[in-house]
Amino acid sequence: MKVYTRKGDKGATQVYAKESLRVTKDDILLETYGDIDELNSHIGLLVTLCEGEVPAFLETVQRKLFQAGFAISASSTLTDADVTELEQAIDVMTASLPQQTRFVLPGGTPAAAQSHVCRTVCRRAERTTTRLANHHTVPPAVMAYLNRLSDYLYTLAVFLNHQSGISPSEV
């Protein structure tokens, strides 16, 4: 299969929603796809920086992000159970952390810093997906998943630093 089609050179491309659509490359639909794709790539980098059970969980998250994209374009298997899975992972990490009373500065270990980058890209993907929902149908599970994923990535950053003995720099 060729990577190039020679059909998008003039600033438009085809996407598959309920029906095939031709849209300009600055369309909110493509912006949303791009933000989710960027998030997925940043999580891929985070996977390379983590150890233990975290990489396997993050690879599952990456697959779910593809499902979020499918939900926006045509169909998806992303469900509320996927959101619950993130909440449970957050709860497990939070149980081992000291109570937090302030915001923390992004940084610490390379893995924690990358988790913060993922969190901010996730928040942007959530914002563009929200804007997209004004023009296209976006399943509620996608919105909830992106929202909870940013919470997970924040908690993961704090957790990774805690595991490494690094106290968070608080604001």
N, C-alpha and C. Protein backbone atom coordinates (compact mmCIF):
# COMPACT_ATOMS: atom_id res chain seq x y z
N MET A 1 0.84 -1.18 0.00
CA MET A 1 0.00 0.00 0.00
C MET A 1 0.89 1.24 0.00
N LYS A 2 0.58 2.18 -0.86
CA LYS A 2 1.34 3.42 -0.91
C LYS A 2 0.88 4.36 0.18
N VAL A 3 1.82 5.14 0.69
CA VAL A 3 1.52 6.12 1.72
C VAL A 3 0.88 7.36 1.10
N TYR A 4 1.25 7.69 -0.10
CA TYR A 4 0.74 8.90 -0.74
C TYR A 4 -0.34 8.56 -1.76
N THR A 5 -1.29 9.49 -1.92
CA THR A 5 -2.39 9.29 -2.88
C THR A 5 -2.38 10.33 -4.00
N ARG A 6 -1.66 11.44 -3.77
CA ARG A 6 -1.62 12.56 -4.70
C ARG A 6 -2.97 13.28 -4.82
N LYS A 7 -3.84 13.08 -3.86
CA LYS A 7 -5.16 13.73 -3.91
C LYS A 7 -5.28 14.86 -2.90
N GLY A 8 -4.30 15.00 -2.00
CA GLY A 8 -4.40 16.03 -0.97
C GLY A 8 -3.46 17.20 -1.18
N ASP A 9 -2.82 17.25 -2.33
CA ASP A 9 -1.82 18.29 -2.58
C ASP A 9 -2.39 19.69 -2.70
N LYS A 10 -3.69 19.82 -2.85
CA LYS A 10 -4.30 21.14 -3.03
C LYS A 10 -5.06 21.59 -1.78
N GLY A 11 -4.73 20.96 -0.64
CA GLY A 11 -5.30 21.43 0.61
C GLY A 11 -6.63 20.81 1.00
N ALA A 12 -7.00 19.70 0.38
CA ALA A 12 -8.24 19.01 0.75
C ALA A 12 -7.94 17.52 0.86
N THR A 13 -8.77 16.83 1.62
CA THR A 13 -8.59 15.40 1.78
C THR A 13 -9.95 14.75 2.02
N GLN A 14 -9.98 13.46 1.93
CA GLN A 14 -11.22 12.72 2.12
C GLN A 14 -11.21 12.05 3.49
N VAL A 15 -12.33 12.14 4.18
CA VAL A 15 -12.51 11.47 5.46
C VAL A 15 -13.77 10.63 5.38
N TYR A 16 -13.85 9.67 6.26
CA TYR A 16 -14.98 8.76 6.25
C TYR A 16 -15.76 8.89 7.54
N ALA A 17 -16.90 9.53 7.45
CA ALA A 17 -17.82 9.63 8.58
C ALA A 17 -18.98 8.69 8.24
N LYS A 18 -20.20 9.10 8.47
CA LYS A 18 -21.33 8.27 8.06
C LYS A 18 -21.33 8.10 6.55
N GLU A 19 -20.82 9.14 5.88
CA GLU A 19 -20.62 9.08 4.44
C GLU A 19 -19.23 9.66 4.17
N SER A 20 -18.73 9.43 3.00
CA SER A 20 -17.43 9.95 2.61
C SER A 20 -17.53 11.47 2.44
N LEU A 21 -16.60 12.21 3.05
CA LEU A 21 -16.60 13.66 2.98
C LEU A 21 -15.28 14.16 2.42
N ARG A 22 -15.34 15.21 1.65
CA ARG A 22 -14.13 15.89 1.18
C ARG A 22 -14.06 17.20 1.98
N VAL A 23 -12.99 17.38 2.73
CA VAL A 23 -12.86 18.56 3.57
C VAL A 23 -11.51 19.21 3.34
N THR A 24 -11.43 20.51 3.65
CA THR A 24 -10.14 21.18 3.57
C THR A 24 -9.30 20.75 4.77
N LYS A 25 -8.01 20.85 4.60
CA LYS A 25 -7.11 20.36 5.64
C LYS A 25 -7.09 21.22 6.90
N ASP A 26 -7.77 22.37 6.86
CA ASP A 26 -7.90 23.17 8.07
C ASP A 26 -9.26 22.99 8.74
N ASP A 27 -10.02 22.00 8.29
CA ASP A 27 -11.33 21.70 8.87
C ASP A 27 -11.15 21.24 10.32
N ILE A 28 -12.10 21.61 11.18
CA ILE A 28 -12.03 21.24 12.60
C ILE A 28 -11.96 19.72 12.78
N LEU A 29 -12.55 18.97 11.87
CA LEU A 29 -12.49 17.51 11.95
C LEU A 29 -11.04 17.04 11.85
N LEU A 30 -10.31 17.57 10.89
CA LEU A 30 -8.91 17.18 10.72
C LEU A 30 -8.03 17.74 11.84
N GLU A 31 -8.37 18.91 12.33
CA GLU A 31 -7.63 19.47 13.47
C GLU A 31 -7.78 18.55 14.68
N THR A 32 -8.98 18.06 14.88
CA THR A 32 -9.23 17.15 16.00
C THR A 32 -8.47 15.84 15.82
N TYR A 33 -8.55 15.26 14.61
CA TYR A 33 -7.76 14.05 14.33
C TYR A 33 -6.29 14.30 14.62
N GLY A 34 -5.80 15.45 14.18
CA GLY A 34 -4.39 15.77 14.36
C GLY A 34 -4.00 15.89 15.82
N ASP A 35 -4.85 16.52 16.62
CA ASP A 35 -4.54 16.66 18.05
C ASP A 35 -4.54 15.30 18.74
N ILE A 36 -5.48 14.44 18.39
CA ILE A 36 -5.51 13.09 18.98
C ILE A 36 -4.31 12.28 18.52
N ASP A 37 -3.94 12.43 17.25
CA ASP A 37 -2.76 11.74 16.72
C ASP A 37 -1.49 12.22 17.41
N GLU A 38 -1.37 13.53 17.61
CA GLU A 38 -0.21 14.08 18.31
C GLU A 38 -0.14 13.54 19.74
N LEU A 39 -1.28 13.51 20.41
CA LEU A 39 -1.34 12.95 21.76
C LEU A 39 -0.86 11.50 21.75
N ASN A 40 -1.34 10.74 20.80
CA ASN A 40 -0.96 9.33 20.71
C ASN A 40 0.55 9.18 20.50
N SER A 41 1.13 10.04 19.69
CA SER A 41 2.58 10.00 19.46
C SER A 41 3.35 10.35 20.73
N HIS A 42 2.89 11.38 21.45
CA HIS A 42 3.55 11.74 22.70
C HIS A 42 3.44 10.61 23.73
N ILE A 43 2.30 9.94 23.76
CA ILE A 43 2.16 8.80 24.68
C ILE A 43 3.12 7.69 24.26
N GLY A 44 3.31 7.51 22.94
CA GLY A 44 4.29 6.52 22.48
C GLY A 44 5.68 6.82 23.02
N LEU A 45 6.07 8.09 23.05
CA LEU A 45 7.35 8.46 23.65
C LEU A 45 7.35 8.17 25.14
N LEU A 46 6.26 8.49 25.81
CA LEU A 46 6.15 8.22 27.24
C LEU A 46 6.31 6.72 27.54
N VAL A 47 5.75 5.88 26.69
CA VAL A 47 5.89 4.43 26.86
C VAL A 47 7.36 4.04 26.94
N THR A 48 8.20 4.66 26.09
CA THR A 48 9.62 4.30 26.06
C THR A 48 10.36 4.74 27.31
N LEU A 49 9.78 5.66 28.07
CA LEU A 49 10.43 6.21 29.26
C LEU A 49 9.96 5.55 30.56
N CYS A 50 8.93 4.71 30.47
CA CYS A 50 8.34 4.12 31.67
C CYS A 50 8.72 2.66 31.82
N GLU A 51 8.52 2.17 33.04
CA GLU A 51 8.82 0.77 33.36
C GLU A 51 7.62 0.15 34.06
N GLY A 52 7.73 -1.13 34.37
CA GLY A 52 6.69 -1.84 35.10
C GLY A 52 5.45 -2.07 34.26
N GLU A 53 4.30 -1.89 34.89
CA GLU A 53 3.02 -2.13 34.21
C GLU A 53 2.55 -0.92 33.41
N VAL A 54 3.17 0.22 33.61
CA VAL A 54 2.72 1.45 32.97
C VAL A 54 2.75 1.36 31.44
N PRO A 55 3.85 0.87 30.81
CA PRO A 55 3.86 0.83 29.34
C PRO A 55 2.70 0.03 28.74
N ALA A 56 2.36 -1.10 29.33
CA ALA A 56 1.25 -1.90 28.80
C ALA A 56 -0.07 -1.14 28.91
N PHE A 57 -0.27 -0.46 30.04
CA PHE A 57 -1.49 0.31 30.21
C PHE A 57 -1.54 1.45 29.19
N LEU A 58 -0.41 2.13 29.00
CA LEU A 58 -0.36 3.24 28.05
C LEU A 58 -0.58 2.77 26.62
N GLU A 59 -0.10 1.59 26.29
CA GLU A 59 -0.36 1.06 24.95
C GLU A 59 -1.85 0.77 24.76
N THR A 60 -2.51 0.36 25.81
CA THR A 60 -3.97 0.20 25.76
C THR A 60 -4.63 1.57 25.53
N VAL A 61 -4.13 2.58 26.22
CA VAL A 61 -4.64 3.94 26.02
C VAL A 61 -4.46 4.36 24.57
N GLN A 62 -3.31 4.05 23.99
CA GLN A 62 -3.08 4.40 22.59
C GLN A 62 -4.12 3.76 21.67
N ARG A 63 -4.45 2.51 21.93
CA ARG A 63 -5.49 1.84 21.13
C ARG A 63 -6.85 2.51 21.32
N LYS A 64 -7.13 2.93 22.55
CA LYS A 64 -8.40 3.61 22.83
C LYS A 64 -8.46 4.96 22.11
N LEU A 65 -7.32 5.63 21.98
CA LEU A 65 -7.31 6.89 21.25
C LEU A 65 -7.63 6.68 19.77
N PHE A 66 -7.21 5.55 19.21
CA PHE A 66 -7.64 5.23 17.85
C PHE A 66 -9.15 5.05 17.81
N GLN A 67 -9.70 4.43 18.85
CA GLN A 67 -11.16 4.27 18.93
C GLN A 67 -11.85 5.63 19.02
N ALA A 68 -11.24 6.57 19.74
CA ALA A 68 -11.81 7.92 19.81
C ALA A 68 -11.86 8.54 18.42
N GLY A 69 -10.81 8.37 17.65
CA GLY A 69 -10.79 8.88 16.28
C GLY A 69 -11.83 8.20 15.42
N PHE A 70 -11.98 6.89 15.58
CA PHE A 70 -13.01 6.15 14.83
C PHE A 70 -14.40 6.66 15.19
N ALA A 71 -14.60 6.98 16.47
CA ALA A 71 -15.91 7.46 16.91
C ALA A 71 -16.25 8.78 16.24
N ILE A 72 -15.26 9.59 16.04
CA ILE A 72 -15.49 10.88 15.42
C ILE A 72 -15.76 10.70 13.93
N SER A 73 -15.08 9.73 13.32
CA SER A 73 -15.21 9.57 11.87
C SER A 73 -16.38 8.67 11.49
N ALA A 74 -16.51 7.53 12.11
CA ALA A 74 -17.56 6.60 11.65
C ALA A 74 -18.14 5.79 12.81
N SER A 75 -17.32 4.95 13.41
CA SER A 75 -17.84 4.09 14.47
C SER A 75 -16.73 3.81 15.48
N SER A 76 -17.12 3.36 16.65
CA SER A 76 -16.15 3.12 17.71
C SER A 76 -16.66 2.09 18.69
N THR A 77 -15.72 1.48 19.38
CA THR A 77 -16.08 0.59 20.48
C THR A 77 -15.74 1.24 21.83
N LEU A 78 -15.36 2.50 21.82
CA LEU A 78 -15.05 3.21 23.06
C LEU A 78 -16.32 3.34 23.89
N THR A 79 -16.22 2.98 25.18
CA THR A 79 -17.41 2.98 26.04
C THR A 79 -17.13 3.66 27.38
N ASP A 80 -18.17 3.78 28.16
CA ASP A 80 -18.04 4.32 29.51
C ASP A 80 -17.14 3.42 30.38
N ALA A 81 -17.08 2.14 30.08
CA ALA A 81 -16.21 1.22 30.82
C ALA A 81 -14.74 1.61 30.64
N ASP A 82 -14.40 2.16 29.48
CA ASP A 82 -13.03 2.61 29.24
C ASP A 82 -12.71 3.82 30.12
N VAL A 83 -13.69 4.67 30.33
CA VAL A 83 -13.52 5.83 31.21
C VAL A 83 -13.33 5.33 32.65
N THR A 84 -14.13 4.37 33.04
CA THR A 84 -14.02 3.79 34.39
C THR A 84 -12.65 3.16 34.61
N GLU A 85 -12.10 2.53 33.57
CA GLU A 85 -10.77 1.92 33.67
C GLU A 85 -9.71 2.99 34.00
N LEU A 86 -9.83 4.15 33.38
CA LEU A 86 -8.91 5.25 33.69
C LEU A 86 -9.09 5.72 35.13
N GLU A 87 -10.34 5.84 35.56
CA GLU A 87 -10.61 6.28 36.93
C GLU A 87 -10.03 5.32 37.95
N GLN A 88 -10.15 4.03 37.68
CA GLN A 88 -9.59 3.02 38.59
C GLN A 88 -8.07 3.11 38.65
N ALA A 89 -7.44 3.34 37.50
CA ALA A 89 -5.98 3.49 37.48
C ALA A 89 -5.55 4.73 38.26
N ILE A 90 -6.31 5.80 38.13
CA ILE A 90 -6.04 7.03 38.89
C ILE A 90 -6.16 6.74 40.38
N ASP A 91 -7.21 6.05 40.78
CA ASP A 91 -7.44 5.74 42.19
C ASP A 91 -6.31 4.89 42.78
N VAL A 92 -5.82 3.93 42.02
CA VAL A 92 -4.72 3.08 42.50
C VAL A 92 -3.47 3.91 42.75
N MET A 93 -3.13 4.78 41.80
CA MET A 93 -1.93 5.63 41.98
C MET A 93 -2.12 6.61 43.12
N THR A 94 -3.29 7.24 43.19
CA THR A 94 -3.56 8.25 44.20
C THR A 94 -3.46 7.67 45.61
N ALA A 95 -3.83 6.41 45.77
CA ALA A 95 -3.79 5.77 47.08
C ALA A 95 -2.37 5.71 47.65
N SER A 96 -1.37 5.73 46.78
CA SER A 96 0.01 5.64 47.27
C SER A 96 0.72 7.00 47.33
N LEU A 97 -0.01 8.06 47.04
CA LEU A 97 0.59 9.40 47.02
C LEU A 97 0.21 10.21 48.25
N PRO A 98 1.12 11.08 48.68
CA PRO A 98 0.74 11.99 49.77
C PRO A 98 -0.33 12.95 49.26
N GLN A 99 -1.14 13.43 50.18
CA GLN A 99 -2.20 14.37 49.79
C GLN A 99 -1.59 15.61 49.17
N GLN A 100 -2.20 16.04 48.11
CA GLN A 100 -1.72 17.22 47.39
C GLN A 100 -2.59 18.41 47.74
N THR A 101 -1.97 19.53 48.06
CA THR A 101 -2.73 20.71 48.43
C THR A 101 -2.48 21.89 47.49
N ARG A 102 -1.55 21.71 46.54
CA ARG A 102 -1.21 22.79 45.61
C ARG A 102 -0.98 22.20 44.22
N PHE A 103 -0.95 23.08 43.23
CA PHE A 103 -0.58 22.66 41.89
C PHE A 103 0.92 22.33 41.87
N VAL A 104 1.32 21.44 41.00
CA VAL A 104 2.74 21.11 40.87
C VAL A 104 3.26 21.62 39.53
N LEU A 105 4.53 21.97 39.53
CA LEU A 105 5.16 22.39 38.29
C LEU A 105 5.49 21.16 37.45
N PRO A 106 5.27 21.21 36.15
CA PRO A 106 5.65 20.09 35.29
C PRO A 106 7.17 19.88 35.35
N GLY A 107 7.58 18.64 35.38
CA GLY A 107 9.01 18.33 35.41
C GLY A 107 9.28 17.09 36.21
N GLY A 108 10.49 17.03 36.76
CA GLY A 108 10.91 15.86 37.52
C GLY A 108 11.69 14.91 36.64
N THR A 109 11.34 13.65 36.69
CA THR A 109 12.03 12.67 35.86
C THR A 109 11.64 12.89 34.39
N PRO A 110 12.43 12.37 33.46
CA PRO A 110 12.03 12.48 32.05
C PRO A 110 10.64 11.89 31.78
N ALA A 111 10.32 10.76 32.40
CA ALA A 111 9.01 10.15 32.18
C ALA A 111 7.89 11.03 32.73
N ALA A 112 8.10 11.59 33.93
CA ALA A 112 7.08 12.47 34.51
C ALA A 112 6.91 13.74 33.69
N ALA A 113 8.01 14.31 33.23
CA ALA A 113 7.93 15.51 32.40
C ALA A 113 7.17 15.21 31.10
N GLN A 114 7.44 14.05 30.51
CA GLN A 114 6.73 13.67 29.28
C GLN A 114 5.25 13.42 29.56
N SER A 115 4.94 12.88 30.73
CA SER A 115 3.54 12.68 31.09
C SER A 115 2.82 14.02 31.18
N HIS A 116 3.51 15.05 31.69
CA HIS A 116 2.93 16.39 31.72
C HIS A 116 2.71 16.93 30.30
N VAL A 117 3.66 16.68 29.40
CA VAL A 117 3.47 17.10 28.00
C VAL A 117 2.24 16.40 27.43
N CYS A 118 2.12 15.11 27.68
CA CYS A 118 0.95 14.35 27.20
C CYS A 118 -0.34 14.95 27.76
N ARG A 119 -0.32 15.32 29.03
CA ARG A 119 -1.49 15.91 29.67
C ARG A 119 -1.92 17.19 28.96
N THR A 120 -0.96 18.05 28.64
CA THR A 120 -1.32 19.32 28.01
C THR A 120 -1.82 19.11 26.58
N VAL A 121 -1.22 18.17 25.87
CA VAL A 121 -1.70 17.87 24.52
C VAL A 121 -3.09 17.24 24.59
N CYS A 122 -3.32 16.43 25.61
CA CYS A 122 -4.64 15.82 25.81
C CYS A 122 -5.69 16.90 26.06
N ARG A 123 -5.36 17.90 26.87
CA ARG A 123 -6.30 19.00 27.12
C ARG A 123 -6.62 19.74 25.83
N ARG A 124 -5.61 19.93 24.98
CA ARG A 124 -5.87 20.59 23.69
C ARG A 124 -6.78 19.72 22.83
N ALA A 125 -6.52 18.42 22.80
CA ALA A 125 -7.36 17.50 22.02
C ALA A 125 -8.80 17.54 22.54
N GLU A 126 -8.95 17.65 23.85
CA GLU A 126 -10.29 17.76 24.43
C GLU A 126 -10.97 19.05 23.97
N ARG A 127 -10.22 20.15 23.95
CA ARG A 127 -10.81 21.42 23.51
C ARG A 127 -11.22 21.38 22.04
N THR A 128 -10.37 20.82 21.18
CA THR A 128 -10.74 20.77 19.76
C THR A 128 -11.88 19.79 19.53
N THR A 129 -11.93 18.72 20.30
CA THR A 129 -13.04 17.77 20.19
C THR A 129 -14.34 18.45 20.63
N THR A 130 -14.26 19.29 21.64
CA THR A 130 -15.44 20.04 22.09
C THR A 130 -15.91 20.99 20.98
N ARG A 131 -14.97 21.66 20.34
CA ARG A 131 -15.35 22.53 19.21
C ARG A 131 -15.95 21.71 18.07
N LEU A 132 -15.37 20.55 17.82
CA LEU A 132 -15.88 19.67 16.76
C LEU A 132 -17.33 19.28 17.04
N ALA A 133 -17.64 19.05 18.32
CA ALA A 133 -18.99 18.62 18.70
C ALA A 133 -20.05 19.65 18.34
N ASN A 134 -19.64 20.89 18.07
CA ASN A 134 -20.59 21.90 17.62
C ASN A 134 -20.99 21.71 16.15
N HIS A 135 -20.25 20.86 15.43
CA HIS A 135 -20.49 20.67 14.00
C HIS A 135 -20.75 19.22 13.60
N HIS A 136 -20.26 18.29 14.40
CA HIS A 136 -20.39 16.86 14.11
C HIS A 136 -20.81 16.12 15.39
N THR A 137 -21.35 14.96 15.21
CA THR A 137 -21.70 14.13 16.36
C THR A 137 -20.43 13.55 16.97
N VAL A 138 -20.24 13.80 18.24
CA VAL A 138 -19.12 13.23 18.99
C VAL A 138 -19.72 12.45 20.15
N PRO A 139 -19.50 11.14 20.20
CA PRO A 139 -20.07 10.35 21.29
C PRO A 139 -19.60 10.85 22.67
N PRO A 140 -20.49 10.88 23.63
CA PRO A 140 -20.11 11.34 24.98
C PRO A 140 -18.93 10.58 25.57
N ALA A 141 -18.79 9.29 25.24
CA ALA A 141 -17.67 8.51 25.78
C ALA A 141 -16.33 9.07 25.33
N VAL A 142 -16.27 9.64 24.14
CA VAL A 142 -15.02 10.23 23.65
C VAL A 142 -14.66 11.45 24.50
N MET A 143 -15.64 12.31 24.73
CA MET A 143 -15.39 13.51 25.54
C MET A 143 -14.96 13.12 26.96
N ALA A 144 -15.66 12.18 27.55
CA ALA A 144 -15.34 11.75 28.91
C ALA A 144 -13.96 11.09 28.96
N TYR A 145 -13.63 10.29 27.94
CA TYR A 145 -12.34 9.60 27.92
C TYR A 145 -11.19 10.60 27.86
N LEU A 146 -11.29 11.58 26.99
CA LEU A 146 -10.22 12.57 26.89
C LEU A 146 -10.08 13.36 28.20
N ASN A 147 -11.21 13.71 28.81
CA ASN A 147 -11.17 14.44 30.06
C ASN A 147 -10.49 13.63 31.15
N ARG A 148 -10.89 12.39 31.27
CA ARG A 148 -10.32 11.54 32.31
C ARG A 148 -8.87 11.16 32.00
N LEU A 149 -8.53 11.04 30.72
CA LEU A 149 -7.15 10.73 30.36
C LEU A 149 -6.20 11.83 30.80
N SER A 150 -6.61 13.07 30.67
CA SER A 150 -5.73 14.16 31.13
C SER A 150 -5.53 14.07 32.65
N ASP A 151 -6.57 13.69 33.38
CA ASP A 151 -6.44 13.47 34.83
C ASP A 151 -5.46 12.33 35.11
N TYR A 152 -5.59 11.26 34.34
CA TYR A 152 -4.70 10.10 34.50
C TYR A 152 -3.25 10.52 34.25
N LEU A 153 -3.02 11.27 33.18
CA LEU A 153 -1.65 11.66 32.83
C LEU A 153 -1.04 12.57 33.87
N TYR A 154 -1.85 13.44 34.46
CA TYR A 154 -1.37 14.29 35.55
C TYR A 154 -0.99 13.42 36.76
N THR A 155 -1.89 12.53 37.13
CA THR A 155 -1.64 11.66 38.27
C THR A 155 -0.42 10.78 38.02
N LEU A 156 -0.28 10.29 36.79
CA LEU A 156 0.88 9.47 36.44
C LEU A 156 2.17 10.26 36.62
N ALA A 157 2.19 11.52 36.21
CA ALA A 157 3.39 12.34 36.36
C ALA A 157 3.77 12.46 37.84
N VAL A 158 2.79 12.76 38.68
CA VAL A 158 3.05 12.89 40.11
C VAL A 158 3.51 11.54 40.68
N PHE A 159 2.87 10.47 40.25
CA PHE A 159 3.20 9.12 40.71
C PHE A 159 4.63 8.73 40.30
N LEU A 160 5.00 9.00 39.06
CA LEU A 160 6.34 8.65 38.59
C LEU A 160 7.41 9.40 39.37
N ASN A 161 7.16 10.67 39.64
CA ASN A 161 8.12 11.43 40.45
C ASN A 161 8.19 10.88 41.87
N HIS A 162 7.04 10.55 42.43
CA HIS A 162 7.00 10.01 43.79
C HIS A 162 7.79 8.69 43.86
N GLN A 163 7.60 7.82 42.86
CA GLN A 163 8.33 6.55 42.82
C GLN A 163 9.84 6.77 42.75
N SER A 164 10.24 7.85 42.13
CA SER A 164 11.67 8.15 41.99
C SER A 164 12.22 8.97 43.16
N GLY A 165 11.36 9.26 44.13
CA GLY A 165 11.79 10.02 45.29
C GLY A 165 11.90 11.51 45.05
N ILE A 166 11.27 11.99 43.99
CA ILE A 166 11.31 13.41 43.68
C ILE A 166 10.04 14.07 44.21
N SER A 167 10.22 15.03 45.09
CA SER A 167 9.09 15.78 45.62
C SER A 167 8.65 16.80 44.58
N PRO A 168 7.36 16.96 44.43
CA PRO A 168 6.90 17.92 43.42
C PRO A 168 7.22 19.36 43.81
N SER A 169 7.59 20.13 42.81
CA SER A 169 7.76 21.57 43.02
C SER A 169 6.37 22.17 42.95
N GLU A 170 5.93 22.74 44.04
CA GLU A 170 4.56 23.25 44.11
C GLU A 170 4.49 24.73 43.78
N VAL A 171 3.35 25.12 43.29
CA VAL A 171 3.12 26.52 42.96
C VAL A 171 2.42 27.17 44.15
